[in-house]
Amino acid sequence: MPLYQTAIRPEWIDYNGHLRDAYYGLIVSHAIDALMERIGVDAAYQQRTGCTLYTVETHLHYLHEVKQADTAVVTVRIPGADARRIHAAFELLRAGHSGVAASAEAMLLHVRQQSESVLSTPFPPAIAAAIAQLQAQSAGMQPDAPGSRRMQLPTPARIA
């Protein structure tokens, strides 16, 4: 499901002539903002309740170069959600091209910000329903890119 779209800005291009790695993360961050808007965790909700979403973990896979002439289109799936968290999977596509340029997964936590403290808190019913609807809509979608996995180097063979 398309969620966010942006042109690639010239200042985002690195010395290799393609999108600098940090800007893939920026694009995904903007897609998370768009997801928040879609489920009702918008500025008015934040102002009214003191609640928002925090990104607590992100995994990003770089699959194809993105050039300055490209337009990034980000789609979203919701593989899982519970009373306080959303597991969101994003695919960054290049408009007019086949294949996924990058994939990202994020764990988002619903929190209440009070003075100097931040505490996780359950989603209210309307937000939970919007998340459940988005999860149901994306339930049959299969990813076109690899998902998260544990990052590690293989253990070297022992030399006797």
Protein backbone atom coordinates (compact mmCIF):
# COMPACT_ATOMS: atom_id res chain seq x y z
CA MET A 1 0.00 0.00 0.00
CA PRO A 2 1.59 3.28 -1.06
CA LEU A 3 2.20 5.51 1.93
CA TYR A 4 4.75 8.20 1.09
CA GLN A 5 6.45 9.67 -1.97
CA THR A 6 9.32 12.12 -2.41
CA ALA A 7 11.65 13.44 -5.07
CA ILE A 8 15.36 12.82 -4.45
CA ARG A 9 17.07 16.09 -3.60
CA PRO A 10 20.49 16.97 -5.06
CA GLU A 11 22.05 17.37 -1.58
CA TRP A 12 21.12 13.76 -0.81
CA ILE A 13 23.43 12.40 -3.52
CA ASP A 14 26.88 11.15 -2.51
CA TYR A 15 30.22 11.05 -4.32
CA ASN A 16 29.19 7.80 -6.06
CA GLY A 17 26.27 9.56 -7.74
CA HIS A 18 23.52 7.80 -5.81
CA LEU A 19 21.44 8.34 -2.68
CA ARG A 20 23.62 8.57 0.43
CA ASP A 21 22.84 5.74 2.85
CA ALA A 22 21.60 8.07 5.61
CA TYR A 23 18.86 9.44 3.37
CA TYR A 24 17.25 6.03 2.93
CA GLY A 25 16.66 6.25 6.68
CA LEU A 26 15.32 9.79 6.36
CA ILE A 27 12.85 8.67 3.70
CA VAL A 28 11.70 5.79 5.92
CA SER A 29 11.39 8.22 8.85
CA HIS A 30 9.08 10.42 6.76
CA ALA A 31 7.11 7.28 5.84
CA ILE A 32 6.71 6.56 9.56
CA ASP A 33 5.31 10.08 9.96
CA ALA A 34 2.86 9.33 7.12
CA LEU A 35 1.88 6.07 8.87
CA MET A 36 1.26 8.02 12.08
CA GLU A 37 -1.03 10.41 10.17
CA ARG A 38 -2.87 7.49 8.54
CA ILE A 39 -3.71 5.81 11.86
CA GLY A 40 -4.63 9.06 13.62
CA VAL A 41 -1.49 9.72 15.65
CA ASP A 42 -1.27 13.17 14.10
CA ALA A 43 -0.35 16.57 15.54
CA ALA A 44 -3.86 17.15 16.94
CA TYR A 45 -3.81 13.73 18.67
CA GLN A 46 -0.36 14.45 20.11
CA GLN A 47 -1.46 17.88 21.35
CA ARG A 48 -4.68 16.52 22.86
CA THR A 49 -3.27 13.38 24.53
CA GLY A 50 0.46 13.90 24.98
CA CYS A 51 0.91 10.57 23.17
CA THR A 52 2.99 9.73 20.12
CA LEU A 53 4.98 6.90 18.58
CA TYR A 54 8.68 6.38 19.24
CA THR A 55 10.81 4.33 16.90
CA VAL A 56 12.64 1.85 19.14
CA GLU A 57 14.35 -0.28 16.47
CA THR A 58 14.94 -0.13 12.73
CA HIS A 59 16.49 -2.59 10.27
CA LEU A 60 17.37 -1.35 6.78
CA HIS A 61 18.43 -3.31 3.69
CA TYR A 62 19.99 -1.49 0.73
CA LEU A 63 19.14 -3.39 -2.45
CA HIS A 64 19.48 -1.07 -5.48
CA GLU A 65 20.94 2.35 -6.11
CA VAL A 66 18.60 5.33 -6.08
CA LYS A 67 19.64 8.20 -8.34
CA GLN A 68 18.81 11.90 -8.22
CA ALA A 69 16.37 11.59 -11.13
CA ASP A 70 14.34 8.98 -9.20
CA THR A 71 11.20 9.50 -7.18
CA ALA A 72 11.02 7.35 -4.05
CA VAL A 73 7.70 5.66 -3.31
CA VAL A 74 7.35 3.92 0.06
CA THR A 75 4.81 1.18 0.74
CA VAL A 76 3.87 -0.28 4.12
CA ARG A 77 2.74 -3.61 5.56
CA ILE A 78 1.89 -4.26 9.20
CA PRO A 79 3.21 -7.76 10.06
CA GLY A 80 2.24 -7.38 13.71
CA ALA A 81 0.80 -5.13 16.38
CA ASP A 82 -0.17 -5.40 20.01
CA ALA A 83 -1.65 -3.06 22.63
CA ARG A 84 1.39 -0.72 22.57
CA ARG A 85 3.56 -1.59 19.56
CA ILE A 86 3.47 -1.70 15.77
CA HIS A 87 5.85 -3.80 13.67
CA ALA A 88 5.87 -1.95 10.34
CA ALA A 89 7.58 -3.16 7.15
CA PHE A 90 8.42 -0.63 4.45
CA GLU A 91 9.60 -1.05 0.87
CA LEU A 92 11.23 1.85 -0.93
CA LEU A 93 10.57 1.70 -4.67
CA ARG A 94 11.73 3.89 -7.53
CA ALA A 95 8.75 5.21 -9.49
CA GLY A 96 8.80 3.77 -13.00
CA HIS A 97 11.29 1.00 -12.12
CA SER A 98 10.74 -2.58 -11.11
CA GLY A 99 12.23 -4.06 -7.97
CA VAL A 100 12.64 -2.80 -4.46
CA ALA A 101 15.47 -0.31 -3.86
CA ALA A 102 15.45 -0.77 -0.07
CA SER A 103 13.44 -2.43 2.64
CA ALA A 104 13.10 -1.42 6.26
CA GLU A 105 11.34 -2.68 9.33
CA ALA A 106 10.59 -0.58 12.36
CA MET A 107 9.27 -1.33 15.82
CA LEU A 108 7.14 1.60 16.95
CA LEU A 109 6.09 2.12 20.57
CA HIS A 110 3.10 4.19 21.70
CA VAL A 111 4.17 6.49 24.53
CA ARG A 112 2.80 9.29 26.68
CA GLN A 113 5.14 12.21 27.18
CA GLN A 114 4.62 13.88 30.56
CA SER A 115 7.00 16.58 31.75
CA GLU A 116 10.38 14.87 31.92
CA SER A 117 9.08 11.30 31.77
CA VAL A 118 8.05 9.08 28.90
CA LEU A 119 5.96 5.96 29.59
CA SER A 120 4.61 3.38 27.19
CA THR A 121 0.83 3.30 27.10
CA PRO A 122 -1.82 1.26 25.28
CA PHE A 123 -3.38 2.61 22.10
CA PRO A 124 -6.85 4.06 22.58
CA PRO A 125 -9.63 2.08 20.85
CA ALA A 126 -9.89 4.32 17.75
CA ILE A 127 -6.14 4.13 17.06
CA ALA A 128 -6.06 0.38 17.76
CA ALA A 129 -8.92 -0.08 15.28
CA ALA A 130 -7.09 1.93 12.59
CA ILE A 131 -3.97 -0.19 13.12
CA ALA A 132 -6.02 -3.40 12.95
CA GLN A 133 -7.64 -2.24 9.72
CA LEU A 134 -4.28 -1.43 8.14
CA GLN A 135 -2.90 -4.77 9.33
CA ALA A 136 -5.88 -6.60 7.81
CA GLN A 137 -5.50 -4.72 4.51
CA SER A 138 -1.84 -5.69 4.29
CA ALA A 139 -2.28 -9.27 5.55
CA GLY A 140 -2.15 -10.88 2.09
CA MET A 141 0.74 -8.79 0.80
CA GLN A 142 3.97 -10.69 0.36
CA PRO A 143 7.25 -8.81 0.77
CA ASP A 144 9.36 -8.29 -2.35
CA ALA A 145 12.54 -7.82 -0.30
CA PRO A 146 14.29 -9.51 2.61
CA GLY A 147 13.00 -8.93 6.10
CA SER A 148 14.84 -8.40 9.33
CA ARG A 149 17.31 -10.87 10.61
CA ARG A 150 19.98 -10.94 13.25
CA MET A 151 23.10 -9.15 12.06
CA GLN A 152 26.30 -11.05 12.77
CA LEU A 153 29.44 -12.40 11.16
CA PRO A 154 29.62 -16.15 10.83
CA THR A 155 31.68 -17.84 13.53
CA PRO A 156 35.06 -18.71 12.01
CA ALA A 157 36.00 -22.38 11.87
CA ARG A 158 38.37 -23.37 14.65
CA ILE A 159 41.90 -24.20 13.57
CA ALA A 160 43.29 -27.22 15.38
